[in-house]
Amino acid sequence: MNCRFCKNSLKYVFVNLGETPLANSYLTKETMNEVEKKIPLQAFVCEKCFLVQVEEFEKAKNIFNDYAYFSSYSTSWLDHVKLFADEMIDRFNLSDKDQIIEIASNDGYLLKNFKNKHIPILGIEPASNVAKIAENNGIPTVVKFFSFETAQEIVDAGKKAHLLLAFNVLPHVPNLNDFVLGMKKIIHENGVIVIQFSAYLLDVIQKCEFDMVYHEHFSYFSLFTLKKIFESNNLEIFDVKEIPVHGGSLRLFLKSTQNNEIKIEDSVKNLLKKEENFGLRKISTYLQFQKNVEKSKKSIQEFFIKAKEAEKKIVCYGAAAKGNTVLNFCEITKNDIDYIVDISPHKQGKFLPGTHIPIYFPEKIKETRPDYIVILAWNLKDEIIEQTSFIKEWGGKFVVLIPKVKILK
């Protein structure tokens, strides 16, 4: 395997999580008896540019054409993006004369905030089932994967972005250079790109967030590596913010290198220095990660063993991709967990990939009164605890597994 950015031959393993099914390949009653495809889940690190990456065993079009993730089912996330939209409108003086384009626009959860302010919008979303929801909600959407070719088609149709948005999509891109070249193509000469994504590499390593690693996440980025990627495509990062959502996210602001009107903020050099001090430019930092993951696995397994020995009833909240990574890697099965609940009706009635644990609606918890609710979607911990605070009626407790096993009071 060669690095998907700099083409250097990869020889260092960042983490090996065994063979697992795709993290979002939920099963139905009809598909439960079929042979489940499992593929290696192994991330490498490039010693030249320090891009951490998973091999493209499954084509992106097979993963994202019909997708189970809908952004509109998290109230805290909706609040987050509404605040973001208001900030962008104020910061860049956006009006009805400006064009907003979003890559991987999902069900239109973000663009609707600009639409409500009468600013022209356009979404680009490859999952047809998700794009249909957006269209039904009045969000114009191009149903395609974003690429340089897609960007060219949109530009030829007379649209260029004054503000181009890409939330939680960059790690999902196998062809990085083509994708970034497309971003450069589609923005107005004075346009701004805002990219935000979770699984920021500094947080992943520092907090041992190995559950952020799954096949749909093709790449894991540091600011150091991103700077190289964008500059090679004539784009420049002029501001960066560390955002606490989704377990630690990075928000980047970019402009064309030809745009001299926007100054480079100190935030860029400050975060680069923080990464260097942590050791993100040393291969030894990456090679330590597997050892930390194995320690985490052992403590997670010990929790379930002790809980079962004490005859505790365990359920999980959040049929999230990250949860599937944890359960499959740690060999936690339906013998350990009674069931899982999720607020999304698109997942209810299905079964987790690999473990085949059934997914129910959250109200099921009141029926069975479990001793522990393990929060797999730990990035939404506060929201989930608020939704299920009724477990205190029978002395139930919440548990998180990442960054370490903790029983919450």
Protein backbone atom coordinates (compact mmCIF):
# COMPACT_ATOMS: atom_id res chain seq x y z
CA MET A 1 0.00 0.00 0.00
CA ASN A 2 1.20 3.49 -0.87
CA CYS A 3 0.26 6.72 0.91
CA ARG A 4 -2.89 8.18 -0.64
CA PHE A 5 -1.37 11.65 -0.48
CA CYS A 6 2.39 11.51 -1.11
CA LYS A 7 2.56 7.97 -2.64
CA ASN A 8 5.30 6.88 -0.22
CA SER A 9 5.39 3.14 0.45
CA LEU A 10 3.75 2.37 3.81
CA LYS A 11 5.48 0.02 6.22
CA TYR A 12 4.46 1.19 9.73
CA VAL A 13 1.23 -0.08 11.30
CA PHE A 14 -0.55 2.50 13.45
CA VAL A 15 -3.19 0.10 14.77
CA ASN A 16 -4.51 -3.34 13.87
CA LEU A 17 -8.08 -4.05 15.00
CA GLY A 18 -8.46 -7.43 13.34
CA GLU A 19 -11.12 -8.32 10.78
CA THR A 20 -14.52 -6.70 11.12
CA PRO A 21 -17.58 -5.96 8.99
CA LEU A 22 -18.19 -2.42 7.78
CA ALA A 23 -19.20 -0.36 10.81
CA ASN A 24 -22.43 0.94 9.24
CA SER A 25 -23.50 -2.30 7.52
CA TYR A 26 -26.49 -2.97 9.79
CA LEU A 27 -28.33 -6.24 9.32
CA THR A 28 -32.04 -6.94 8.91
CA LYS A 29 -34.00 -10.08 9.77
CA GLU A 30 -33.72 -11.01 6.10
CA THR A 31 -29.91 -10.65 5.94
CA MET A 32 -29.11 -12.12 9.37
CA ASN A 33 -28.52 -15.61 7.96
CA GLU A 34 -26.29 -14.49 5.10
CA VAL A 35 -22.51 -14.82 5.30
CA GLU A 36 -21.23 -11.55 6.69
CA LYS A 37 -18.28 -9.99 4.90
CA LYS A 38 -15.38 -9.14 7.22
CA ILE A 39 -12.31 -7.25 6.09
CA PRO A 40 -9.04 -6.23 7.80
CA LEU A 41 -9.30 -3.08 9.90
CA GLN A 42 -5.70 -1.88 9.96
CA ALA A 43 -4.39 1.67 9.80
CA PHE A 44 -0.91 2.58 8.58
CA VAL A 45 1.10 5.75 9.15
CA CYS A 46 3.22 7.35 6.46
CA GLU A 47 6.73 8.10 7.76
CA LYS A 48 7.09 10.91 5.21
CA CYS A 49 3.91 13.01 5.63
CA PHE A 50 2.46 11.33 8.78
CA LEU A 51 -0.95 10.70 7.23
CA VAL A 52 -2.68 7.84 9.07
CA GLN A 53 -4.81 5.81 6.69
CA VAL A 54 -6.88 2.69 6.19
CA GLU A 55 -6.67 0.77 2.95
CA GLU A 56 -9.66 1.08 0.61
CA PHE A 57 -10.84 -2.54 0.86
CA GLU A 58 -14.40 -1.48 0.07
CA LYS A 59 -15.19 1.18 -2.53
CA ALA A 60 -16.72 4.37 -1.14
CA LYS A 61 -19.68 4.07 -3.51
CA ASN A 62 -20.61 0.75 -1.88
CA ILE A 63 -20.43 2.29 1.59
CA PHE A 64 -22.22 5.58 1.06
CA ASN A 65 -24.78 5.00 -1.71
CA ASP A 66 -27.40 3.91 0.84
CA TYR A 67 -26.35 5.25 4.22
CA ALA A 68 -27.73 4.68 7.73
CA TYR A 69 -26.51 7.92 9.32
CA PHE A 70 -28.86 10.89 9.45
CA SER A 71 -27.50 14.03 11.11
CA SER A 72 -30.85 15.40 12.27
CA TYR A 73 -31.32 12.96 15.17
CA SER A 74 -28.94 14.66 17.58
CA THR A 75 -30.32 17.80 19.20
CA SER A 76 -26.92 18.89 20.51
CA TRP A 77 -25.45 18.58 16.99
CA LEU A 78 -28.31 20.60 15.52
CA ASP A 79 -27.70 23.32 18.12
CA HIS A 80 -23.98 23.23 17.27
CA VAL A 81 -24.46 23.76 13.53
CA LYS A 82 -27.09 26.48 14.01
CA LEU A 83 -24.61 28.44 16.11
CA PHE A 84 -21.94 27.78 13.47
CA ALA A 85 -24.16 29.12 10.66
CA ASP A 86 -24.89 32.30 12.61
CA GLU A 87 -21.15 32.79 13.23
CA MET A 88 -20.30 32.35 9.55
CA ILE A 89 -22.99 34.80 8.43
CA ASP A 90 -21.60 37.42 10.81
CA ARG A 91 -17.90 36.72 10.19
CA PHE A 92 -18.08 36.78 6.39
CA ASN A 93 -21.02 39.21 6.00
CA LEU A 94 -23.04 36.69 4.01
CA SER A 95 -26.19 37.84 2.22
CA ASP A 96 -28.64 36.72 -0.45
CA LYS A 97 -25.96 37.57 -3.03
CA ASP A 98 -23.63 34.81 -1.76
CA GLN A 99 -23.73 31.13 -2.73
CA ILE A 100 -23.34 28.47 -0.02
CA ILE A 101 -22.40 24.97 -1.18
CA GLU A 102 -22.00 22.01 1.16
CA ILE A 103 -20.20 18.77 0.35
CA ALA A 104 -21.77 15.68 1.96
CA SER A 105 -24.80 17.71 2.99
CA ASN A 106 -26.62 14.66 4.43
CA ASP A 107 -30.30 15.43 5.14
CA GLY A 108 -29.87 19.21 4.90
CA TYR A 109 -29.48 19.70 8.65
CA LEU A 110 -26.85 22.46 8.22
CA LEU A 111 -27.91 24.19 5.01
CA LYS A 112 -31.41 24.85 6.32
CA ASN A 113 -29.91 27.41 8.73
CA PHE A 114 -28.65 29.44 5.76
CA LYS A 115 -31.87 28.91 3.83
CA ASN A 116 -33.81 30.40 6.76
CA LYS A 117 -31.72 33.57 6.27
CA HIS A 118 -32.57 33.63 2.52
CA ILE A 119 -28.99 32.82 1.44
CA PRO A 120 -28.74 30.64 -1.73
CA ILE A 121 -27.76 27.04 -0.93
CA LEU A 122 -26.80 23.85 -2.72
CA GLY A 123 -26.04 20.45 -1.22
CA ILE A 124 -23.93 17.66 -2.70
CA GLU A 125 -24.76 14.25 -1.20
CA PRO A 126 -23.92 10.76 -2.58
CA ALA A 127 -26.40 8.75 -0.48
CA SER A 128 -29.65 8.86 -2.45
CA ASN A 129 -31.82 7.80 0.51
CA VAL A 130 -30.44 10.67 2.62
CA ALA A 131 -30.52 13.22 -0.22
CA LYS A 132 -34.20 12.43 -0.77
CA ILE A 133 -34.98 13.59 2.78
CA ALA A 134 -33.10 16.84 2.10
CA GLU A 135 -34.97 17.45 -1.15
CA ASN A 136 -38.30 16.81 0.61
CA ASN A 137 -37.30 19.49 3.11
CA GLY A 138 -36.63 22.04 0.37
CA ILE A 139 -32.83 21.68 0.27
CA PRO A 140 -31.65 21.53 -3.39
CA THR A 141 -29.24 18.60 -3.60
CA VAL A 142 -26.96 17.14 -6.26
CA VAL A 143 -26.90 13.36 -5.73
CA LYS A 144 -23.27 12.60 -6.53
CA PHE A 145 -19.93 11.93 -4.91
CA PHE A 146 -17.86 15.09 -4.80
CA SER A 147 -14.82 15.09 -7.06
CA PHE A 148 -13.03 17.42 -9.44
CA GLU A 149 -15.42 16.26 -12.15
CA THR A 150 -18.48 17.07 -10.00
CA ALA A 151 -17.01 20.48 -9.17
CA GLN A 152 -16.45 21.18 -12.86
CA GLU A 153 -20.07 20.28 -13.67
CA ILE A 154 -21.40 22.65 -11.00
CA VAL A 155 -19.11 25.47 -12.12
CA ASP A 156 -20.17 24.91 -15.74
CA ALA A 157 -23.77 25.24 -14.56
CA GLY A 158 -22.95 28.73 -13.29
CA LYS A 159 -22.40 28.16 -9.58
CA LYS A 160 -19.31 28.94 -7.48
CA ALA A 161 -19.17 28.93 -3.69
CA HIS A 162 -18.55 32.09 -1.70
CA LEU A 163 -18.66 29.73 1.29
CA LEU A 164 -17.90 26.04 0.75
CA LEU A 165 -18.66 23.71 3.66
CA ALA A 166 -17.40 20.18 4.29
CA PHE A 167 -18.50 18.81 7.67
CA ASN A 168 -17.47 15.30 8.73
CA VAL A 169 -16.55 14.23 5.22
CA LEU A 170 -12.79 14.64 4.73
CA PRO A 171 -11.87 11.44 6.63
CA HIS A 172 -14.32 9.55 4.40
CA VAL A 173 -12.50 10.45 1.16
CA PRO A 174 -10.29 7.78 -0.49
CA ASN A 175 -9.06 10.01 -3.35
CA LEU A 176 -7.77 12.96 -1.35
CA ASN A 177 -5.93 14.89 -4.03
CA ASP A 178 -8.84 14.80 -6.49
CA PHE A 179 -11.24 15.87 -3.74
CA VAL A 180 -9.13 18.84 -2.65
CA LEU A 181 -8.54 19.86 -6.26
CA GLY A 182 -12.33 19.88 -6.67
CA MET A 183 -12.68 22.17 -3.66
CA LYS A 184 -10.23 24.59 -5.20
CA LYS A 185 -12.17 24.50 -8.46
CA ILE A 186 -15.60 25.17 -7.00
CA ILE A 187 -14.85 28.19 -4.79
CA HIS A 188 -15.14 31.80 -5.90
CA GLU A 189 -11.76 33.57 -6.24
CA ASN A 190 -12.41 35.32 -2.92
CA GLY A 191 -14.33 32.37 -1.46
CA VAL A 192 -13.72 30.64 1.84
CA ILE A 193 -13.74 26.91 2.64
CA VAL A 194 -14.69 25.69 6.11
CA ILE A 195 -13.90 22.07 6.92
CA GLN A 196 -14.80 20.35 10.17
CA PHE A 197 -14.22 16.71 11.08
CA SER A 198 -13.97 14.43 14.08
CA ALA A 199 -11.24 11.85 14.73
CA TYR A 200 -8.63 14.61 14.89
CA LEU A 201 -5.39 12.65 15.17
CA LEU A 202 -4.05 14.45 18.24
CA ASP A 203 -7.23 13.57 20.17
CA VAL A 204 -7.32 10.00 18.84
CA ILE A 205 -3.81 9.29 20.11
CA GLN A 206 -3.93 11.35 23.29
CA LYS A 207 -7.28 9.91 24.45
CA CYS A 208 -6.82 6.44 22.93
CA GLU A 209 -9.96 6.87 20.84
CA PHE A 210 -9.40 3.69 18.84
CA ASP A 211 -13.15 3.43 18.26
CA MET A 212 -12.80 6.29 15.78
CA VAL A 213 -11.02 3.86 13.48
CA TYR A 214 -13.33 2.08 11.03
CA HIS A 215 -13.36 1.34 7.31
CA GLU A 216 -15.51 4.35 6.42
CA HIS A 217 -12.79 6.60 7.89
CA PHE A 218 -10.12 6.26 5.22
CA SER A 219 -7.78 8.91 6.72
CA TYR A 220 -6.88 10.47 10.08
CA PHE A 221 -5.33 13.92 10.00
CA SER A 222 -3.01 16.19 11.92
CA LEU A 223 -2.87 19.89 11.04
CA PHE A 224 0.73 19.35 9.96
CA THR A 225 -0.33 16.84 7.30
CA LEU A 226 -3.38 18.83 6.21
CA LYS A 227 -1.23 21.90 5.62
CA LYS A 228 0.90 19.86 3.21
CA ILE A 229 -2.14 18.44 1.41
CA PHE A 230 -3.87 21.78 0.90
CA GLU A 231 -0.76 23.74 -0.05
CA SER A 232 0.03 21.18 -2.74
CA ASN A 233 -3.35 22.13 -4.25
CA ASN A 234 -2.91 25.92 -3.90
CA LEU A 235 -5.09 26.26 -0.83
CA GLU A 236 -3.97 27.86 2.43
CA ILE A 237 -5.23 27.37 6.00
CA PHE A 238 -5.75 30.81 7.53
CA ASP A 239 -7.48 29.86 10.79
CA VAL A 240 -8.04 26.72 12.84
CA LYS A 241 -10.13 25.89 15.90
CA GLU A 242 -10.23 22.85 18.15
CA ILE A 243 -13.89 22.02 18.75
CA PRO A 244 -14.96 19.68 21.61
CA VAL A 245 -17.88 18.06 19.71
CA HIS A 246 -17.69 14.41 18.59
CA GLY A 247 -14.86 13.66 20.99
CA GLY A 248 -12.57 16.33 19.59
CA SER A 249 -12.96 17.93 16.18
CA LEU A 250 -10.91 20.28 14.06
CA ARG A 251 -12.39 23.22 12.17
CA LEU A 252 -10.28 24.65 9.35
CA PHE A 253 -10.71 27.88 7.39
CA LEU A 254 -9.09 27.94 3.95
CA LYS A 255 -8.59 30.34 1.10
CA SER A 256 -6.88 30.30 -2.26
CA THR A 257 -3.16 31.03 -2.07
CA GLN A 258 -3.83 33.85 -4.57
CA ASN A 259 -6.20 35.56 -2.12
CA ASN A 260 -4.06 38.08 -0.20
CA GLU A 261 -6.95 39.90 1.46
CA ILE A 262 -7.29 37.42 4.34
CA LYS A 263 -4.48 37.28 6.89
CA ILE A 264 -3.14 34.09 8.50
CA GLU A 265 -4.20 33.84 12.17
CA ASP A 266 -1.78 32.86 14.95
CA SER A 267 -4.02 29.87 15.68
CA VAL A 268 -2.38 27.98 12.81
CA LYS A 269 1.22 28.22 14.04
CA ASN A 270 0.09 27.68 17.65
CA LEU A 271 -1.62 24.38 16.90
CA LEU A 272 1.28 23.24 14.71
CA LYS A 273 3.58 23.86 17.68
CA LYS A 274 1.23 21.97 20.01
CA GLU A 275 1.28 18.97 17.66
CA GLU A 276 5.07 19.07 17.41
CA ASN A 277 5.44 19.21 21.20
CA PHE A 278 3.14 16.19 21.54
CA GLY A 279 5.28 14.25 19.08
CA LEU A 280 3.13 14.06 15.95
CA ARG A 281 6.24 14.44 13.79
CA LYS A 282 7.93 11.40 15.38
CA ILE A 283 7.13 7.90 14.13
CA SER A 284 7.64 6.52 17.66
CA THR A 285 4.52 8.37 18.86
CA TYR A 286 2.40 6.46 16.36
CA LEU A 287 3.97 3.09 17.09
CA GLN A 288 3.01 3.33 20.78
CA PHE A 289 -0.71 3.53 19.97
CA GLN A 290 -1.29 -0.22 19.50
CA LYS A 291 0.05 -0.93 23.00
CA ASN A 292 -2.34 1.62 24.50
CA VAL A 293 -5.24 0.14 22.55
CA GLU A 294 -4.49 -3.36 23.85
CA LYS A 295 -4.56 -2.02 27.44
CA SER A 296 -7.92 -0.39 26.75
CA LYS A 297 -9.28 -3.62 25.28
CA LYS A 298 -8.27 -5.56 28.38
CA SER A 299 -10.01 -3.11 30.74
CA ILE A 300 -13.19 -3.15 28.62
CA GLN A 301 -13.30 -6.94 28.63
CA GLU A 302 -12.73 -7.02 32.39
CA PHE A 303 -15.70 -4.69 32.96
CA PHE A 304 -18.08 -6.99 31.06
CA ILE A 305 -16.71 -10.12 32.74
CA LYS A 306 -17.14 -8.67 36.24
CA ALA A 307 -20.59 -7.26 35.44
CA LYS A 308 -21.79 -10.65 34.20
CA GLU A 309 -20.31 -12.42 37.22
CA ALA A 310 -22.33 -10.02 39.38
CA GLU A 311 -25.42 -10.86 37.23
CA LYS A 312 -25.85 -7.28 36.07
CA LYS A 313 -28.12 -6.58 33.12
CA ILE A 314 -26.32 -4.51 30.47
CA VAL A 315 -27.71 -2.60 27.50
CA CYS A 316 -26.06 -0.04 25.24
CA TYR A 317 -27.15 3.35 23.93
CA GLY A 318 -26.07 4.50 20.47
CA ALA A 319 -25.81 2.19 17.46
CA ALA A 320 -22.87 4.25 16.27
CA ALA A 321 -20.05 3.14 13.96
CA LYS A 322 -17.55 3.78 16.74
CA GLY A 323 -19.48 1.42 19.02
CA ASN A 324 -19.30 -1.35 16.45
CA THR A 325 -15.51 -0.97 16.33
CA VAL A 326 -15.31 -1.37 20.12
CA LEU A 327 -17.66 -4.34 20.39
CA ASN A 328 -16.12 -6.29 17.51
CA PHE A 329 -12.50 -5.63 18.48
CA CYS A 330 -13.09 -6.38 22.16
CA GLU A 331 -15.12 -9.51 21.31
CA ILE A 332 -18.19 -8.34 23.20
CA THR A 333 -21.24 -10.31 22.05
CA LYS A 334 -25.00 -10.58 22.54
CA ASN A 335 -24.16 -12.88 25.47
CA ASP A 336 -22.73 -9.81 27.21
CA ILE A 337 -25.29 -7.21 26.09
CA ASP A 338 -29.08 -7.72 26.07
CA TYR A 339 -29.77 -5.14 23.35
CA ILE A 340 -28.90 -1.68 22.11
CA VAL A 341 -31.13 1.39 21.70
CA ASP A 342 -30.88 4.26 19.25
CA ILE A 343 -33.05 7.32 18.69
CA SER A 344 -32.86 7.00 14.90
CA PRO A 345 -35.81 5.09 13.40
CA HIS A 346 -33.52 4.19 10.48
CA LYS A 347 -31.57 1.85 12.79
CA GLN A 348 -34.36 0.52 15.00
CA GLY A 349 -35.42 -3.02 14.16
CA LYS A 350 -32.01 -3.85 12.70
CA PHE A 351 -28.98 -5.66 14.14
CA LEU A 352 -25.39 -4.55 14.71
CA PRO A 353 -22.81 -5.79 12.21
CA GLY A 354 -20.61 -8.54 13.59
CA THR A 355 -22.23 -8.91 17.01
CA HIS A 356 -25.85 -9.18 15.73
CA ILE A 357 -27.15 -7.36 18.81
CA PRO A 358 -30.74 -6.12 18.19
CA ILE A 359 -31.48 -2.38 18.05
CA TYR A 360 -34.61 -1.02 19.75
CA PHE A 361 -36.15 2.35 20.50
CA PRO A 362 -34.96 4.04 23.75
CA GLU A 363 -38.27 3.47 25.57
CA LYS A 364 -37.33 -0.25 25.73
CA ILE A 365 -35.04 0.64 28.64
CA LYS A 366 -38.06 1.38 30.85
CA GLU A 367 -39.43 -2.09 30.14
CA THR A 368 -36.33 -4.09 31.12
CA ARG A 369 -34.78 -1.79 33.78
CA PRO A 370 -31.09 -2.67 33.18
CA ASP A 371 -28.36 -2.15 35.77
CA TYR A 372 -25.98 -0.51 33.31
CA ILE A 373 -26.41 1.56 30.17
CA VAL A 374 -23.13 1.54 28.26
CA ILE A 375 -22.97 4.75 26.20
CA LEU A 376 -21.28 3.75 22.95
CA ALA A 377 -21.98 7.14 21.36
CA TRP A 378 -19.93 8.72 24.14
CA ASN A 379 -19.54 11.97 22.19
CA LEU A 380 -23.27 12.51 22.93
CA LYS A 381 -22.93 11.46 26.57
CA ASP A 382 -24.62 14.49 28.13
CA GLU A 383 -27.52 14.37 25.68
CA ILE A 384 -28.07 10.64 26.26
CA ILE A 385 -27.89 10.92 30.05
CA GLU A 386 -30.50 13.68 29.96
CA GLN A 387 -32.80 11.58 27.74
CA THR A 388 -32.58 8.53 29.98
CA SER A 389 -32.22 10.10 33.43
CA PHE A 390 -35.22 7.98 34.50
CA ILE A 391 -32.87 5.03 35.20
CA LYS A 392 -32.20 6.54 38.62
CA GLU A 393 -35.67 5.25 39.57
CA TRP A 394 -34.25 1.72 39.88
CA GLY A 395 -30.62 2.58 40.60
CA GLY A 396 -29.34 2.13 37.06
CA LYS A 397 -25.95 3.57 36.14
CA PHE A 398 -24.28 4.88 33.00
CA VAL A 399 -20.95 3.55 31.74
CA VAL A 400 -18.49 4.91 29.17
CA LEU A 401 -15.68 2.79 27.71
CA ILE A 402 -13.59 5.47 25.99
CA PRO A 403 -11.11 6.98 26.81
CA LYS A 404 -11.27 4.55 29.76
CA VAL A 405 -13.94 2.48 31.45
CA LYS A 406 -15.83 4.61 33.89
CA ILE A 407 -19.09 4.06 35.80
CA LEU A 408 -20.78 7.43 36.03
CA LYS A 409 -22.56 8.53 39.17
